[in-house]
Amino acid sequence: MNGRALAVVAALAIVAGTGWLARGWFEDAQRLTEERAARLVADAAMAREADIAGVVEDRLAELDANQRIIDRGVIREIQKPIYRNVCLGDNAVRLLNNAAAGRAPEPTEPQTQMPGEATSAE
């Protein structure tokens, strides 16, 4: 009986060790599956963000190109000779400046009589 009990104890030890080893393998497989799933989710998120970044980058490039075209158009308009010529005289510019500042324009009638008018009135 002594040998038989020893065999049973040895068999139980082997079964327990094998079960413990199998349980470790099972838990490792679960952890590996979780890590792979997390990696797939992270890779999908990175790919999505890369796509969004590419779209934003393309749109910014278009806007930058549009800005350059608008700037060139403004420069061309400003450099036209029509804008270099003086269109208004000094008095007209003074009148516009007074209007922009909210001041009353200078009177157009003289304060005193002109010397020629004094002799003609007599």
N, C-alpha and C. Protein backbone atom coordinates (compact mmCIF):
# COMPACT_ATOMS: atom_id res chain seq x y z
N MET A 1 0.79 -1.16 0.00
CA MET A 1 0.00 0.00 0.00
C MET A 1 0.86 1.26 0.00
N ASN A 2 1.97 1.11 0.57
CA ASN A 2 2.88 2.22 0.65
C ASN A 2 3.31 2.66 -0.75
N GLY A 3 3.58 1.74 -1.61
CA GLY A 3 3.96 2.05 -2.98
C GLY A 3 2.79 2.60 -3.78
N ARG A 4 1.62 2.03 -3.47
CA ARG A 4 0.43 2.49 -4.17
C ARG A 4 0.08 3.93 -3.76
N ALA A 5 0.17 4.27 -2.52
CA ALA A 5 -0.10 5.62 -2.03
C ALA A 5 0.91 6.59 -2.61
N LEU A 6 2.14 6.14 -2.70
CA LEU A 6 3.17 6.98 -3.28
C LEU A 6 2.89 7.23 -4.75
N ALA A 7 2.40 6.23 -5.47
CA ALA A 7 2.05 6.39 -6.88
C ALA A 7 0.88 7.35 -7.04
N VAL A 8 -0.11 7.26 -6.16
CA VAL A 8 -1.27 8.17 -6.23
C VAL A 8 -0.83 9.59 -5.96
N VAL A 9 0.01 9.78 -4.96
CA VAL A 9 0.51 11.13 -4.63
C VAL A 9 1.32 11.66 -5.80
N ALA A 10 2.15 10.82 -6.40
CA ALA A 10 2.95 11.26 -7.55
C ALA A 10 2.05 11.62 -8.72
N ALA A 11 1.01 10.81 -8.96
CA ALA A 11 0.07 11.08 -10.05
C ALA A 11 -0.66 12.40 -9.80
N LEU A 12 -1.09 12.62 -8.56
CA LEU A 12 -1.77 13.87 -8.23
C LEU A 12 -0.83 15.07 -8.40
N ALA A 13 0.42 14.90 -8.05
CA ALA A 13 1.40 15.97 -8.20
C ALA A 13 1.62 16.28 -9.68
N ILE A 14 1.69 15.23 -10.49
CA ILE A 14 1.88 15.43 -11.93
C ILE A 14 0.66 16.12 -12.54
N VAL A 15 -0.53 15.67 -12.14
CA VAL A 15 -1.76 16.28 -12.67
C VAL A 15 -1.85 17.74 -12.23
N ALA A 16 -1.52 18.04 -10.97
CA ALA A 16 -1.57 19.41 -10.47
C ALA A 16 -0.55 20.28 -11.20
N GLY A 17 0.66 19.76 -11.39
CA GLY A 17 1.68 20.52 -12.11
C GLY A 17 1.28 20.77 -13.56
N THR A 18 0.72 19.74 -14.19
CA THR A 18 0.29 19.89 -15.58
C THR A 18 -0.86 20.91 -15.67
N GLY A 19 -1.79 20.84 -14.73
CA GLY A 19 -2.90 21.80 -14.71
C GLY A 19 -2.40 23.22 -14.49
N TRP A 20 -1.44 23.36 -13.58
CA TRP A 20 -0.88 24.68 -13.31
C TRP A 20 -0.17 25.23 -14.56
N LEU A 21 0.58 24.36 -15.25
CA LEU A 21 1.28 24.75 -16.47
C LEU A 21 0.29 25.13 -17.57
N ALA A 22 -0.77 24.33 -17.73
CA ALA A 22 -1.78 24.63 -18.75
C ALA A 22 -2.49 25.94 -18.44
N ARG A 23 -2.77 26.19 -17.17
CA ARG A 23 -3.42 27.45 -16.76
C ARG A 23 -2.52 28.64 -17.10
N GLY A 24 -1.22 28.51 -16.89
CA GLY A 24 -0.28 29.58 -17.25
C GLY A 24 -0.29 29.85 -18.75
N TRP A 25 -0.29 28.76 -19.53
CA TRP A 25 -0.34 28.93 -20.99
C TRP A 25 -1.63 29.62 -21.41
N PHE A 26 -2.74 29.25 -20.79
CA PHE A 26 -4.04 29.84 -21.11
C PHE A 26 -4.05 31.34 -20.80
N GLU A 27 -3.54 31.71 -19.62
CA GLU A 27 -3.49 33.13 -19.24
C GLU A 27 -2.56 33.91 -20.15
N ASP A 28 -1.44 33.31 -20.52
CA ASP A 28 -0.52 33.97 -21.45
C ASP A 28 -1.18 34.20 -22.81
N ALA A 29 -1.94 33.21 -23.27
CA ALA A 29 -2.64 33.34 -24.55
C ALA A 29 -3.67 34.47 -24.48
N GLN A 30 -4.37 34.59 -23.34
CA GLN A 30 -5.35 35.67 -23.19
C GLN A 30 -4.66 37.04 -23.20
N ARG A 31 -3.55 37.14 -22.48
CA ARG A 31 -2.81 38.41 -22.46
C ARG A 31 -2.30 38.77 -23.85
N LEU A 32 -1.80 37.78 -24.58
CA LEU A 32 -1.31 38.02 -25.93
C LEU A 32 -2.44 38.49 -26.84
N THR A 33 -3.61 37.87 -26.70
CA THR A 33 -4.77 38.28 -27.51
C THR A 33 -5.16 39.72 -27.18
N GLU A 34 -5.17 40.08 -25.90
CA GLU A 34 -5.50 41.45 -25.50
C GLU A 34 -4.49 42.45 -26.04
N GLU A 35 -3.20 42.09 -25.98
CA GLU A 35 -2.16 42.99 -26.49
C GLU A 35 -2.29 43.18 -27.99
N ARG A 36 -2.57 42.10 -28.71
CA ARG A 36 -2.73 42.21 -30.17
C ARG A 36 -3.95 43.06 -30.52
N ALA A 37 -5.05 42.88 -29.78
CA ALA A 37 -6.25 43.69 -30.03
C ALA A 37 -5.97 45.16 -29.75
N ALA A 38 -5.26 45.44 -28.66
CA ALA A 38 -4.92 46.82 -28.34
C ALA A 38 -4.01 47.42 -29.41
N ARG A 39 -3.07 46.62 -29.90
CA ARG A 39 -2.17 47.09 -30.95
C ARG A 39 -2.95 47.38 -32.23
N LEU A 40 -3.90 46.52 -32.58
CA LEU A 40 -4.72 46.74 -33.77
C LEU A 40 -5.54 48.02 -33.64
N VAL A 41 -6.12 48.24 -32.46
CA VAL A 41 -6.90 49.46 -32.24
C VAL A 41 -6.00 50.69 -32.36
N ALA A 42 -4.82 50.62 -31.76
CA ALA A 42 -3.89 51.75 -31.82
C ALA A 42 -3.43 52.00 -33.25
N ASP A 43 -3.14 50.93 -33.99
CA ASP A 43 -2.73 51.09 -35.38
C ASP A 43 -3.85 51.69 -36.23
N ALA A 44 -5.08 51.25 -35.98
CA ALA A 44 -6.22 51.80 -36.72
C ALA A 44 -6.40 53.29 -36.40
N ALA A 45 -6.24 53.65 -35.13
CA ALA A 45 -6.36 55.06 -34.74
C ALA A 45 -5.25 55.89 -35.38
N MET A 46 -4.05 55.37 -35.39
CA MET A 46 -2.93 56.09 -36.01
C MET A 46 -3.16 56.25 -37.51
N ALA A 47 -3.66 55.20 -38.17
CA ALA A 47 -3.94 55.29 -39.60
C ALA A 47 -5.02 56.33 -39.87
N ARG A 48 -6.07 56.34 -39.04
CA ARG A 48 -7.15 57.31 -39.21
C ARG A 48 -6.62 58.73 -39.01
N GLU A 49 -5.81 58.92 -37.97
CA GLU A 49 -5.25 60.24 -37.72
C GLU A 49 -4.29 60.66 -38.83
N ALA A 50 -3.55 59.71 -39.38
CA ALA A 50 -2.65 60.03 -40.49
C ALA A 50 -3.46 60.46 -41.72
N ASP A 51 -4.59 59.79 -41.97
CA ASP A 51 -5.45 60.19 -43.08
C ASP A 51 -5.99 61.60 -42.87
N ILE A 52 -6.44 61.87 -41.66
CA ILE A 52 -6.97 63.20 -41.35
C ILE A 52 -5.87 64.24 -41.50
N ALA A 53 -4.69 63.94 -41.01
CA ALA A 53 -3.57 64.87 -41.12
C ALA A 53 -3.23 65.13 -42.59
N GLY A 54 -3.30 64.09 -43.41
CA GLY A 54 -3.04 64.26 -44.84
C GLY A 54 -4.06 65.17 -45.49
N VAL A 55 -5.33 64.99 -45.13
CA VAL A 55 -6.39 65.84 -45.69
C VAL A 55 -6.19 67.29 -45.26
N VAL A 56 -5.88 67.48 -43.98
CA VAL A 56 -5.67 68.84 -43.48
C VAL A 56 -4.45 69.46 -44.14
N GLU A 57 -3.42 68.69 -44.32
CA GLU A 57 -2.21 69.21 -44.96
C GLU A 57 -2.48 69.62 -46.40
N ASP A 58 -3.24 68.80 -47.13
CA ASP A 58 -3.60 69.15 -48.51
C ASP A 58 -4.44 70.42 -48.55
N ARG A 59 -5.39 70.54 -47.64
CA ARG A 59 -6.25 71.72 -47.61
C ARG A 59 -5.44 72.97 -47.27
N LEU A 60 -4.51 72.85 -46.32
CA LEU A 60 -3.66 73.99 -45.99
C LEU A 60 -2.78 74.39 -47.17
N ALA A 61 -2.31 73.40 -47.92
CA ALA A 61 -1.51 73.71 -49.10
C ALA A 61 -2.35 74.47 -50.13
N GLU A 62 -3.62 74.06 -50.30
CA GLU A 62 -4.51 74.78 -51.22
C GLU A 62 -4.74 76.21 -50.74
N LEU A 63 -4.98 76.37 -49.44
CA LEU A 63 -5.23 77.71 -48.92
C LEU A 63 -3.99 78.59 -49.06
N ASP A 64 -2.82 78.01 -48.85
CA ASP A 64 -1.59 78.76 -49.00
C ASP A 64 -1.41 79.18 -50.45
N ALA A 65 -1.72 78.27 -51.38
CA ALA A 65 -1.62 78.61 -52.80
C ALA A 65 -2.62 79.71 -53.14
N ASN A 66 -3.85 79.63 -52.62
CA ASN A 66 -4.85 80.67 -52.87
C ASN A 66 -4.38 82.01 -52.32
N GLN A 67 -3.76 81.99 -51.15
CA GLN A 67 -3.28 83.23 -50.55
C GLN A 67 -2.19 83.84 -51.42
N ARG A 68 -1.31 83.01 -51.95
CA ARG A 68 -0.26 83.53 -52.83
C ARG A 68 -0.86 84.16 -54.07
N ILE A 69 -1.87 83.49 -54.63
CA ILE A 69 -2.50 84.02 -55.84
C ILE A 69 -3.18 85.35 -55.54
N ILE A 70 -3.88 85.44 -54.41
CA ILE A 70 -4.55 86.68 -54.03
C ILE A 70 -3.51 87.78 -53.80
N ASP A 71 -2.42 87.45 -53.11
CA ASP A 71 -1.37 88.44 -52.86
C ASP A 71 -0.79 88.95 -54.17
N ARG A 72 -0.55 88.05 -55.11
CA ARG A 72 -0.01 88.47 -56.40
C ARG A 72 -1.00 89.39 -57.12
N GLY A 73 -2.30 89.04 -57.03
CA GLY A 73 -3.31 89.88 -57.67
C GLY A 73 -3.37 91.26 -57.06
N VAL A 74 -3.26 91.34 -55.74
CA VAL A 74 -3.28 92.64 -55.07
C VAL A 74 -2.05 93.44 -55.46
N ILE A 75 -0.91 92.80 -55.50
CA ILE A 75 0.32 93.50 -55.88
C ILE A 75 0.20 94.01 -57.30
N ARG A 76 -0.35 93.20 -58.21
CA ARG A 76 -0.52 93.65 -59.60
C ARG A 76 -1.46 94.84 -59.67
N GLU A 77 -2.55 94.81 -58.90
CA GLU A 77 -3.50 95.91 -58.92
C GLU A 77 -2.86 97.19 -58.40
N ILE A 78 -2.08 97.07 -57.35
CA ILE A 78 -1.47 98.26 -56.75
C ILE A 78 -0.40 98.83 -57.67
N GLN A 79 0.28 97.98 -58.42
CA GLN A 79 1.36 98.44 -59.26
C GLN A 79 0.89 99.00 -60.59
N LYS A 80 -0.41 98.94 -60.86
CA LYS A 80 -0.91 99.49 -62.12
C LYS A 80 -0.68 101.00 -62.14
N PRO A 81 -0.36 101.56 -63.30
CA PRO A 81 -0.07 103.00 -63.36
C PRO A 81 -1.30 103.86 -63.05
N ILE A 82 -2.49 103.32 -63.18
CA ILE A 82 -3.69 104.11 -62.90
C ILE A 82 -3.71 104.55 -61.44
N TYR A 83 -3.14 103.76 -60.55
CA TYR A 83 -3.14 104.10 -59.14
C TYR A 83 -1.96 105.00 -58.75
N ARG A 84 -1.08 105.19 -59.66
CA ARG A 84 0.06 106.06 -59.38
C ARG A 84 -0.24 107.51 -59.72
N ASN A 85 -1.19 107.73 -60.62
CA ASN A 85 -1.52 109.09 -61.04
C ASN A 85 -2.31 109.79 -59.95
N VAL A 86 -2.12 111.09 -59.87
CA VAL A 86 -2.87 111.89 -58.91
C VAL A 86 -4.21 112.21 -59.54
N CYS A 87 -5.29 111.81 -58.88
CA CYS A 87 -6.63 112.02 -59.43
C CYS A 87 -7.30 113.24 -58.83
N LEU A 88 -6.93 113.59 -57.64
CA LEU A 88 -7.55 114.71 -56.94
C LEU A 88 -6.50 115.77 -56.65
N GLY A 89 -6.94 117.01 -56.69
CA GLY A 89 -6.04 118.10 -56.37
C GLY A 89 -5.85 118.23 -54.87
N ASP A 90 -4.99 119.18 -54.49
CA ASP A 90 -4.69 119.38 -53.07
C ASP A 90 -5.93 119.79 -52.29
N ASN A 91 -6.73 120.68 -52.88
CA ASN A 91 -7.93 121.16 -52.17
C ASN A 91 -8.92 120.02 -51.96
N ALA A 92 -9.07 119.16 -52.94
CA ALA A 92 -10.01 118.03 -52.80
C ALA A 92 -9.52 117.05 -51.74
N VAL A 93 -8.22 116.81 -51.70
CA VAL A 93 -7.66 115.92 -50.69
C VAL A 93 -7.85 116.52 -49.30
N ARG A 94 -7.64 117.84 -49.18
CA ARG A 94 -7.84 118.51 -47.90
C ARG A 94 -9.30 118.41 -47.46
N LEU A 95 -10.22 118.58 -48.42
CA LEU A 95 -11.65 118.48 -48.11
C LEU A 95 -12.01 117.07 -47.65
N LEU A 96 -11.46 116.04 -48.30
CA LEU A 96 -11.71 114.65 -47.90
C LEU A 96 -11.12 114.35 -46.53
N ASN A 97 -9.93 114.85 -46.26
CA ASN A 97 -9.31 114.64 -44.95
C ASN A 97 -10.12 115.29 -43.84
N ASN A 98 -10.63 116.50 -44.10
CA ASN A 98 -11.47 117.17 -43.10
C ASN A 98 -12.75 116.38 -42.86
N ALA A 99 -13.34 115.85 -43.92
CA ALA A 99 -14.57 115.07 -43.78
C ALA A 99 -14.30 113.78 -43.01
N ALA A 100 -13.17 113.14 -43.27
CA ALA A 100 -12.83 111.90 -42.57
C ALA A 100 -12.57 112.17 -41.08
N ALA A 101 -12.00 113.32 -40.77
CA ALA A 101 -11.71 113.65 -39.38
C ALA A 101 -12.93 114.22 -38.67
N GLY A 102 -13.97 114.56 -39.41
CA GLY A 102 -15.18 115.10 -38.80
C GLY A 102 -15.09 116.60 -38.52
N ARG A 103 -14.16 117.28 -39.15
CA ARG A 103 -14.02 118.72 -38.98
C ARG A 103 -14.82 119.45 -40.06
N ALA A 104 -15.20 120.66 -39.75
CA ALA A 104 -15.90 121.47 -40.75
C ALA A 104 -14.87 121.92 -41.78
N PRO A 105 -15.23 121.89 -43.03
CA PRO A 105 -14.27 122.32 -44.05
C PRO A 105 -13.99 123.81 -43.94
N GLU A 106 -12.86 124.17 -44.44
CA GLU A 106 -12.51 125.59 -44.44
C GLU A 106 -13.49 126.33 -45.35
N PRO A 107 -13.89 127.53 -44.97
CA PRO A 107 -14.86 128.26 -45.80
C PRO A 107 -14.27 128.59 -47.16
N THR A 108 -15.12 128.53 -48.17
CA THR A 108 -14.66 128.84 -49.53
C THR A 108 -14.78 130.32 -49.83
N GLU A 109 -15.63 131.01 -49.08
CA GLU A 109 -15.78 132.45 -49.26
C GLU A 109 -14.76 133.16 -48.40
N PRO A 110 -14.12 134.18 -48.90
CA PRO A 110 -13.14 134.91 -48.08
C PRO A 110 -13.83 135.67 -46.95
N GLN A 111 -13.12 135.87 -45.85
CA GLN A 111 -13.66 136.58 -44.69
C GLN A 111 -13.82 138.08 -44.98
N THR A 112 -12.87 138.61 -45.67
CA THR A 112 -12.91 140.05 -45.98
C THR A 112 -13.19 140.24 -47.46
N GLN A 113 -13.56 141.44 -47.81
CA GLN A 113 -13.82 141.71 -49.22
C GLN A 113 -12.51 141.79 -49.97
N MET A 114 -12.59 141.42 -51.18
CA MET A 114 -11.42 141.48 -52.03
C MET A 114 -11.20 142.95 -52.42
N PRO A 115 -9.95 143.33 -52.67
CA PRO A 115 -9.69 144.74 -52.99
C PRO A 115 -10.42 145.19 -54.26
N GLY A 116 -10.57 144.36 -55.22
CA GLY A 116 -11.25 144.75 -56.46
C GLY A 116 -12.73 144.95 -56.25
N GLU A 117 -13.34 144.24 -55.35
CA GLU A 117 -14.76 144.34 -55.10
C GLU A 117 -15.10 145.64 -54.37
N ALA A 118 -14.22 146.15 -53.55
CA ALA A 118 -14.47 147.37 -52.80
C ALA A 118 -14.57 148.57 -53.74
N THR A 119 -13.77 148.63 -54.79
CA THR A 119 -13.80 149.75 -55.72
C THR A 119 -14.99 149.66 -56.65
N SER A 120 -15.42 148.44 -56.99
CA SER A 120 -16.54 148.32 -57.92
C SER A 120 -17.86 148.62 -57.24
N ALA A 121 -17.94 148.44 -55.92
CA ALA A 121 -19.18 148.68 -55.20
C ALA A 121 -19.43 150.17 -55.04
N GLU A 122 -18.40 151.04 -55.09
CA GLU A 122 -18.56 152.47 -54.89
C GLU A 122 -18.91 153.14 -56.13
